[in-house]
């Protein structure tokens, strides 16, 4: 029987198949244009590594509403595609015929029906439910891995326990020399209203900088898209965005929907892993962020390394790590930590290299590890200091009444 782990967890790294659901609302009279765009897009996506299949569906109640479902071998395969410049260019024609979209992403946990009888169930056996996704990745591979279902990937090992919070981040760079001005602007803006609607509220916003890179991490209870739209409409946030425009390395015009959409698409920094011990959201915890610029093509492997350590760390009663979120886009990796006590009490654990040969692996994956592998306590502490991002502001919304 499948059981639910007690820890809070979210991960793109369990290597299970991914189902992506895209809801679309078309402009009136745009159906033919949309179908032409879809055919071109489908031909292009079908050659992307990791893509399995698509389905195009039309609502039987409102013909202007459409649904595209796509299946992928794993979440990292999909994220590599959706975060690419190639994807940004390929979906551009959709914006001329689609009024609104909503994307949902699910890992596949179970399959039932005529095509998934006892043989299929055995082929995708989830394995022991008490183990973590990382320790069971090899054991849960299909016993018939050489059969026709191999390319379809495997099922999620076990259900995960959530906390009702969606985590997301945005990142962008500012012009060198403007860091202090931008930091002052980011620390002094008026906070948006926390309550978005009856089902959605902003829970926490944390802003960090590392050199000229800005990272804004959001925690939302409810609908992330509704929250992002709500924040964008707040007068204080709009004033802040206009104030930092002259300092951005990537030009944007927020009055132009296309320019704004392209900027925030490229700025998206998805949460690929989150784990928390549970019950550790108190004010006594310190929030820290570490920046890991990976070597070209090594971002996913680096994020996996950090995620695996944090899985073990939150299960250790002596560990200062109470919660961890790993954000990754291409070769940019940011790790957000909620720590009990000083962040440098166990610098190797905080950096993500405690035990074994992890420091050597990290140095191999990092673009910034020019001084070689940190081995001594002092070297690891210096490495940690260079990786730590500067906290600009950390704002929590008042608890619900």
Protein backbone atom coordinates (compact mmCIF):
# COMPACT_ATOMS: atom_id res chain seq x y z
CA UNK A 1 0.00 0.00 0.00
CA UNK A 2 1.26 3.49 -0.82
CA UNK A 3 1.82 5.62 2.27
CA UNK A 4 2.41 9.32 2.72
CA UNK A 5 5.78 10.55 4.01
CA UNK A 6 5.56 12.73 7.12
CA UNK A 7 7.96 15.35 5.81
CA UNK A 8 6.87 18.22 3.54
CA UNK A 9 8.37 17.64 0.12
CA UNK A 10 8.21 18.65 -3.51
CA UNK A 11 10.63 17.42 -6.16
CA UNK A 12 11.26 17.35 -9.89
CA UNK A 13 14.00 14.78 -9.32
CA UNK A 14 12.20 11.48 -8.71
CA UNK A 15 12.50 10.65 -12.44
CA UNK A 16 8.80 9.86 -12.78
CA UNK A 17 6.83 10.72 -15.90
CA UNK A 18 5.38 14.19 -16.08
CA UNK A 19 1.95 15.24 -17.34
CA UNK A 20 1.64 18.89 -18.36
CA UNK A 21 -1.84 20.39 -18.72
CA UNK A 22 -2.20 23.68 -20.59
CA UNK A 23 -5.61 25.39 -20.46
CA UNK A 24 -6.24 28.01 -23.17
CA UNK A 25 -8.96 30.57 -23.74
CA UNK A 26 -8.97 31.75 -27.39
CA UNK A 27 -9.91 35.12 -28.76
CA UNK A 28 -13.18 35.16 -30.68
CA UNK A 29 -12.62 34.07 -34.26
CA UNK A 30 -9.04 32.88 -33.62
CA UNK A 31 -9.71 29.14 -33.87
CA UNK A 32 -8.23 28.56 -37.35
CA UNK A 33 -5.16 30.63 -36.53
CA UNK A 34 -4.71 28.66 -33.31
CA UNK A 35 -4.93 25.29 -35.08
CA UNK A 36 -2.27 26.35 -37.59
CA UNK A 37 0.01 27.50 -34.78
CA UNK A 38 -0.60 24.27 -32.86
CA UNK A 39 0.38 22.11 -35.85
CA UNK A 40 3.68 23.95 -36.23
CA UNK A 41 4.33 23.83 -32.48
CA UNK A 42 3.47 20.13 -32.25
CA UNK A 43 5.90 19.23 -35.05
CA UNK A 44 8.63 21.15 -33.28
CA UNK A 45 7.98 19.78 -29.77
CA UNK A 46 7.77 16.17 -30.99
CA UNK A 47 11.53 16.23 -31.66
CA UNK A 48 12.46 17.61 -28.22
CA UNK A 49 14.35 15.05 -26.05
CA UNK A 50 12.10 13.60 -23.37
CA UNK A 51 8.79 14.41 -25.08
CA UNK A 52 6.44 11.42 -25.40
CA UNK A 53 3.12 12.64 -26.77
CA UNK A 54 0.47 15.40 -26.90
CA UNK A 55 -3.31 15.54 -26.91
CA UNK A 56 -5.37 18.50 -28.15
CA UNK A 57 -8.88 18.79 -26.68
CA UNK A 58 -11.75 21.24 -27.16
CA UNK A 59 -14.39 21.98 -24.55
CA UNK A 60 -17.84 20.52 -25.20
CA UNK A 61 -19.37 23.41 -23.22
CA UNK A 62 -17.40 26.42 -24.49
CA UNK A 63 -15.70 25.92 -27.90
CA UNK A 64 -13.34 28.83 -27.18
CA UNK A 65 -11.72 26.83 -24.39
CA UNK A 66 -9.03 24.32 -25.35
CA UNK A 67 -6.77 21.93 -23.51
CA UNK A 68 -3.33 20.62 -24.48
CA UNK A 69 -1.89 17.76 -22.47
CA UNK A 70 1.66 16.60 -23.01
CA UNK A 71 3.56 13.72 -21.49
CA UNK A 72 7.28 13.78 -20.74
CA UNK A 73 9.79 11.19 -19.58
CA UNK A 74 10.66 13.33 -16.54
CA UNK A 75 10.27 16.83 -15.13
CA UNK A 76 13.92 17.88 -15.78
CA UNK A 77 13.47 17.05 -19.48
CA UNK A 78 10.39 19.27 -19.65
CA UNK A 79 11.94 22.08 -17.61
CA UNK A 80 15.02 22.13 -19.85
CA UNK A 81 12.70 22.71 -22.80
CA UNK A 82 10.25 25.17 -21.26
CA UNK A 83 13.07 27.35 -19.85
CA UNK A 84 14.95 27.52 -23.15
CA UNK A 85 15.10 30.43 -25.57
CA UNK A 86 13.92 27.99 -28.21
CA UNK A 87 10.67 27.53 -26.30
CA UNK A 88 10.17 31.27 -25.85
CA UNK A 89 10.44 31.74 -29.61
CA UNK A 90 8.25 28.75 -30.52
CA UNK A 91 5.25 29.81 -28.40
CA UNK A 92 5.40 33.45 -29.50
CA UNK A 93 2.76 32.95 -32.26
CA UNK A 94 0.28 31.65 -29.66
CA UNK A 95 -0.02 35.05 -28.05
CA UNK A 96 -1.82 36.42 -31.10
CA UNK A 97 -4.74 34.01 -30.74
CA UNK A 98 -4.87 33.10 -27.03
CA UNK A 99 -6.53 35.40 -24.51
CA UNK A 100 -5.41 33.55 -21.42
CA UNK A 101 -3.45 30.41 -20.46
CA UNK A 102 -2.88 28.34 -17.36
CA UNK A 103 -0.21 25.64 -17.07
CA UNK A 104 -0.33 22.78 -14.55
CA UNK A 105 2.34 20.10 -14.05
CA UNK A 106 1.85 16.69 -12.43
CA UNK A 107 4.05 13.67 -11.90
CA UNK A 108 2.30 10.38 -12.70
CA UNK A 109 1.66 8.33 -9.55
CA UNK A 110 -0.72 5.58 -10.70
CA UNK A 111 -2.27 4.24 -13.89
CA UNK A 112 -5.51 2.27 -14.08
CA UNK A 113 -7.77 0.99 -16.85
CA UNK A 114 -7.71 -1.65 -19.55
CA UNK A 115 -4.24 -0.69 -20.77
CA UNK A 116 -2.81 -0.85 -17.26
CA UNK A 117 -3.63 -4.28 -15.88
CA UNK A 118 -1.58 -6.43 -13.48
CA UNK A 119 1.32 -6.67 -15.91
CA UNK A 120 1.52 -2.93 -16.31
CA UNK A 121 1.21 -2.41 -12.56
CA UNK A 122 4.15 -4.73 -11.99
CA UNK A 123 6.16 -2.96 -14.66
CA UNK A 124 5.83 0.31 -12.74
CA UNK A 125 6.08 -1.00 -9.19
CA UNK A 126 6.66 1.95 -6.84
CA UNK A 127 8.86 -0.07 -4.51
CA UNK A 128 9.15 0.42 -0.73
CA UNK A 129 7.13 3.47 0.26
CA UNK A 130 9.26 4.34 3.28
CA UNK A 131 12.35 5.20 1.23
CA UNK A 132 13.13 8.55 -0.32
CA UNK A 133 12.91 9.19 -4.08
CA UNK A 134 16.70 9.37 -4.25
CA UNK A 135 17.40 6.04 -2.55
CA UNK A 136 14.75 4.16 -4.52
CA UNK A 137 15.42 5.63 -7.96
CA UNK A 138 17.29 2.55 -9.11
CA UNK A 139 15.13 0.01 -7.27
CA UNK A 140 11.89 1.35 -8.67
CA UNK A 141 12.89 1.00 -12.32
CA UNK A 142 10.58 -1.34 -14.16
CA UNK A 143 11.31 -5.06 -13.93
CA UNK A 144 10.53 -5.10 -17.65
CA UNK A 145 12.77 -2.12 -18.39
CA UNK A 146 13.79 -3.55 -21.73
CA UNK A 147 10.16 -3.85 -22.83
CA UNK A 148 8.05 -1.50 -24.98
CA UNK A 149 7.13 0.73 -22.00
CA UNK A 150 10.75 1.70 -21.23
CA UNK A 151 10.57 5.00 -23.11
CA UNK A 152 7.48 6.02 -21.16
CA UNK A 153 9.44 6.46 -17.92
CA UNK A 154 8.32 5.28 -14.51
CA UNK A 155 5.72 6.21 -11.93
CA UNK A 156 6.25 8.45 -8.93
CA UNK A 157 7.59 6.35 -6.05
CA UNK A 158 5.09 7.53 -3.41
CA UNK A 159 2.73 10.43 -2.76
CA UNK A 160 4.29 13.48 -1.15
CA UNK A 161 2.89 15.54 1.69
CA UNK A 162 2.36 19.21 0.86
CA UNK A 163 1.76 22.29 2.98
CA UNK A 164 -0.53 24.20 0.60
CA UNK A 165 2.27 26.57 -0.43
CA UNK A 166 3.58 27.22 -3.95
CA UNK A 167 7.20 28.37 -4.13
CA UNK A 168 8.56 30.34 -7.06
CA UNK A 169 11.36 32.81 -7.74
CA UNK A 170 12.33 35.47 -10.25
CA UNK A 171 15.89 36.44 -11.08
CA UNK A 172 17.48 39.15 -13.19
CA UNK A 173 20.70 41.13 -13.36
CA UNK A 174 21.31 44.85 -13.04
CA UNK A 175 24.03 46.96 -14.57
CA UNK A 176 27.38 46.70 -12.73
CA UNK A 177 27.84 49.72 -10.47
CA UNK A 178 24.11 50.11 -9.78
CA UNK A 179 23.90 47.41 -7.08
CA UNK A 180 23.66 49.76 -4.08
CA UNK A 181 20.96 51.89 -5.70
CA UNK A 182 18.93 48.82 -6.67
CA UNK A 183 19.32 47.31 -3.19
CA UNK A 184 17.97 50.49 -1.62
CA UNK A 185 14.98 50.51 -3.99
CA UNK A 186 14.22 46.84 -3.33
CA UNK A 187 14.39 47.25 0.43
CA UNK A 188 12.05 50.23 0.60
CA UNK A 189 9.05 49.42 -1.60
CA UNK A 190 5.51 49.29 -0.26
CA UNK A 191 4.38 45.74 0.41
CA UNK A 192 1.42 44.53 -1.67
CA UNK A 193 -1.85 43.50 -0.09
CA UNK A 194 -1.40 39.95 1.16
CA UNK A 195 -4.92 38.72 0.40
CA UNK A 196 -5.37 38.09 -3.32
CA UNK A 197 -8.84 36.52 -3.20
CA UNK A 198 -10.73 34.18 -0.91
CA UNK A 199 -8.49 31.25 -1.90
CA UNK A 200 -5.09 32.89 -2.45
CA UNK A 201 -2.73 34.95 -0.32
CA UNK A 202 0.90 36.00 -0.37
CA UNK A 203 2.69 34.37 2.54
CA UNK A 204 6.28 35.52 2.23
CA UNK A 205 8.60 37.46 -0.07
CA UNK A 206 12.39 37.29 0.31
CA UNK A 207 14.77 39.41 -1.79
CA UNK A 208 18.48 38.64 -2.14
CA UNK A 209 21.40 39.92 -4.19
CA UNK A 210 24.72 38.33 -5.19
CA UNK A 211 26.88 40.76 -7.10
CA UNK A 212 24.58 42.25 -9.71
CA UNK A 213 22.09 39.34 -9.63
CA UNK A 214 18.72 39.81 -7.90
CA UNK A 215 16.57 36.90 -6.71
CA UNK A 216 13.01 37.39 -5.45
CA UNK A 217 11.58 34.27 -3.78
CA UNK A 218 7.82 34.05 -3.25
CA UNK A 219 5.63 31.80 -1.13
CA UNK A 220 1.96 31.71 -2.08
CA UNK A 221 -0.98 29.92 -0.51
CA UNK A 222 -3.33 29.07 -3.37
CA UNK A 223 -3.00 30.10 -7.02
CA UNK A 224 0.49 31.29 -8.03
CA UNK A 225 -0.66 32.86 -11.31
CA UNK A 226 -3.40 34.83 -9.54
CA UNK A 227 -0.85 36.00 -6.97
CA UNK A 228 1.66 37.12 -9.60
CA UNK A 229 -1.02 39.09 -11.44
CA UNK A 230 -2.18 40.62 -8.16
CA UNK A 231 1.35 41.71 -7.24
CA UNK A 232 1.95 43.20 -10.69
CA UNK A 233 -1.13 45.42 -10.28
CA UNK A 234 -0.15 46.83 -6.86
CA UNK A 235 0.79 50.54 -7.03
CA UNK A 236 3.87 50.12 -4.81
CA UNK A 237 5.19 47.24 -6.89
CA UNK A 238 4.51 49.04 -10.18
CA UNK A 239 6.41 52.08 -8.88
CA UNK A 240 9.33 49.84 -7.87
CA UNK A 241 9.44 48.11 -11.26
CA UNK A 242 9.50 51.47 -13.05
CA UNK A 243 12.22 52.77 -10.69
CA UNK A 244 14.60 49.86 -11.38
CA UNK A 245 14.00 49.83 -15.16
CA UNK A 246 17.00 52.09 -15.96
CA UNK A 247 19.34 49.75 -14.07
CA UNK A 248 18.33 46.45 -15.72
CA UNK A 249 20.75 44.70 -18.04
CA UNK A 250 17.81 43.37 -20.09
CA UNK A 251 15.67 46.18 -21.48
CA UNK A 252 11.94 45.97 -20.97
CA UNK A 253 8.86 48.10 -21.48
CA UNK A 254 6.18 47.23 -18.93
CA UNK A 255 3.59 49.17 -20.95
CA UNK A 256 4.10 46.66 -23.79
CA UNK A 257 2.50 43.30 -22.86
CA UNK A 258 4.86 41.41 -25.16
CA UNK A 259 7.98 43.01 -23.69
CA UNK A 260 6.80 42.45 -20.12
CA UNK A 261 5.86 38.82 -20.87
CA UNK A 262 9.26 38.06 -22.41
CA UNK A 263 11.10 39.63 -19.48
CA UNK A 264 9.23 37.71 -16.78
CA UNK A 265 9.36 34.48 -18.79
CA UNK A 266 13.14 34.71 -18.88
CA UNK A 267 13.27 35.80 -15.23
CA UNK A 268 11.33 32.76 -13.98
CA UNK A 269 13.38 30.58 -11.62
CA UNK A 270 11.29 27.48 -10.82
CA UNK A 271 11.45 25.59 -7.55
CA UNK A 272 12.70 22.12 -8.50
CA UNK A 273 12.94 20.73 -4.98
CA UNK A 274 11.60 21.59 -1.53
CA UNK A 275 11.84 19.66 1.70
CA UNK A 276 10.96 20.65 5.26
CA UNK A 277 10.91 18.85 8.56
CA UNK A 278 7.47 20.30 9.35
CA UNK A 279 6.58 22.54 12.25
CA UNK A 280 9.62 24.73 11.63
CA UNK A 281 8.12 28.00 10.43
CA UNK A 282 8.90 29.98 13.58
CA UNK A 283 10.49 33.38 13.81
CA UNK A 284 13.58 31.83 15.42
CA UNK A 285 14.71 30.44 12.07
CA UNK A 286 17.15 32.41 9.94
CA UNK A 287 16.61 32.62 6.19
CA UNK A 288 19.67 32.39 3.93
CA UNK A 289 20.22 32.00 0.19
CA UNK A 290 23.25 30.59 -1.62
CA UNK A 291 24.10 31.20 -5.28
CA UNK A 292 25.64 28.37 -7.32
CA UNK A 293 26.61 29.32 -10.90
CA UNK A 294 26.98 25.93 -12.60
CA UNK A 295 29.23 25.08 -15.49
CA UNK A 296 27.46 25.02 -18.82
CA UNK A 297 25.10 22.06 -18.95
CA UNK A 298 25.62 21.10 -15.27
CA UNK A 299 22.74 22.98 -13.62
CA UNK A 300 20.41 20.00 -13.24
CA UNK A 301 23.14 17.73 -11.87
CA UNK A 302 24.16 20.39 -9.35
CA UNK A 303 20.55 20.93 -8.24
CA UNK A 304 20.16 17.15 -7.77
CA UNK A 305 23.29 17.03 -5.61
CA UNK A 306 22.00 19.76 -3.30
CA UNK A 307 18.50 18.29 -3.17
CA UNK A 308 19.80 14.86 -2.16
CA UNK A 309 21.78 16.29 0.74
CA UNK A 310 18.87 18.35 2.00
CA UNK A 311 16.59 15.30 1.93
CA UNK A 312 18.93 13.66 4.43
CA UNK A 313 19.60 16.85 6.42
CA UNK A 314 15.99 17.52 7.42
CA UNK A 315 15.69 13.96 8.74
CA UNK A 316 18.68 14.52 11.04
CA UNK A 317 17.59 15.88 14.42
CA UNK A 318 21.02 17.50 14.89
CA UNK A 319 20.95 19.32 11.56
CA UNK A 320 20.45 23.11 11.56
CA UNK A 321 18.60 22.83 8.22
CA UNK A 322 14.86 22.91 8.89
CA UNK A 323 13.73 23.61 5.33
CA UNK A 324 15.36 23.93 1.91
CA UNK A 325 14.16 25.04 -1.50
CA UNK A 326 16.32 24.59 -4.59
CA UNK A 327 15.53 26.85 -7.54
CA UNK A 328 17.08 26.11 -10.92
CA UNK A 329 16.93 27.45 -14.45
CA UNK A 330 19.55 26.30 -16.94
CA UNK A 331 22.89 26.81 -15.17
CA UNK A 332 21.61 29.14 -12.44
CA UNK A 333 21.01 27.37 -9.12
CA UNK A 334 19.84 29.11 -5.94
CA UNK A 335 19.33 27.29 -2.64
CA UNK A 336 17.08 28.90 -0.02
CA UNK A 337 17.59 27.65 3.55
CA UNK A 338 15.70 28.12 6.80
CA UNK A 339 18.26 27.42 9.51
CA UNK A 340 18.22 26.94 13.24
CA UNK A 341 21.22 28.78 14.70
CA UNK A 342 24.22 30.37 12.94
CA UNK A 343 24.60 29.53 9.26
CA UNK A 344 28.31 28.86 9.66
CA UNK A 345 28.01 26.45 12.60
CA UNK A 346 28.31 23.52 10.17
CA UNK A 347 29.60 25.23 7.01
CA UNK A 348 29.94 22.03 4.95
CA UNK A 349 26.30 21.12 5.59
CA UNK A 350 25.11 24.66 4.87
CA UNK A 351 27.12 24.74 1.64
CA UNK A 352 25.82 21.30 0.63
CA UNK A 353 29.04 19.29 0.73
CA UNK A 354 29.04 17.48 4.08
CA UNK A 355 30.20 13.87 3.89
CA UNK A 356 31.94 11.73 1.29
CA UNK A 357 33.42 13.40 -1.78
CA UNK A 358 30.66 16.00 -2.18
CA UNK A 359 33.05 18.95 -2.08
CA UNK A 360 34.92 17.53 -5.06
CA UNK A 361 31.67 16.91 -6.95
CA UNK A 362 30.48 20.46 -6.21
CA UNK A 363 33.78 21.93 -7.40
CA UNK A 364 33.50 19.91 -10.62
CA UNK A 365 30.01 21.28 -11.30
CA UNK A 366 30.54 24.92 -10.32
CA UNK A 367 31.69 27.53 -12.81
CA UNK A 368 33.11 29.62 -9.96
CA UNK A 369 35.28 26.94 -8.28
CA UNK A 370 38.51 28.32 -9.71
CA UNK A 371 40.46 27.74 -6.49
CA UNK A 372 39.97 23.99 -6.60
CA UNK A 373 38.26 21.70 -4.10
CA UNK A 374 37.65 23.14 -0.61
CA UNK A 375 38.78 20.53 1.91
CA UNK A 376 39.60 22.19 5.21
CA UNK A 377 37.08 23.82 7.54
CA UNK A 378 38.59 27.22 6.73
CA UNK A 379 38.42 26.69 2.96
CA UNK A 380 34.81 25.52 3.14
CA UNK A 381 33.89 28.52 5.30
CA UNK A 382 35.42 30.89 2.74
CA UNK A 383 33.59 29.07 -0.05
CA UNK A 384 30.34 29.44 1.88
CA UNK A 385 30.97 33.14 2.41
CA UNK A 386 31.49 33.69 -1.33
CA UNK A 387 28.32 31.77 -2.17
CA UNK A 388 26.01 33.48 0.30
CA UNK A 389 23.61 36.04 -1.11
CA UNK A 390 22.93 39.32 0.67
CA UNK A 391 19.48 39.51 2.22
CA UNK A 392 17.78 42.73 1.11
CA UNK A 393 14.34 42.22 2.64
CA UNK A 394 12.29 39.33 4.03
CA UNK A 395 8.61 40.08 4.51
CA UNK A 396 5.97 37.82 6.00
CA UNK A 397 2.26 38.41 5.75
CA UNK A 398 0.28 38.46 9.01
CA UNK A 399 -1.12 35.07 9.96
CA UNK A 400 -4.71 34.35 9.06
CA UNK A 401 -7.19 35.36 11.71
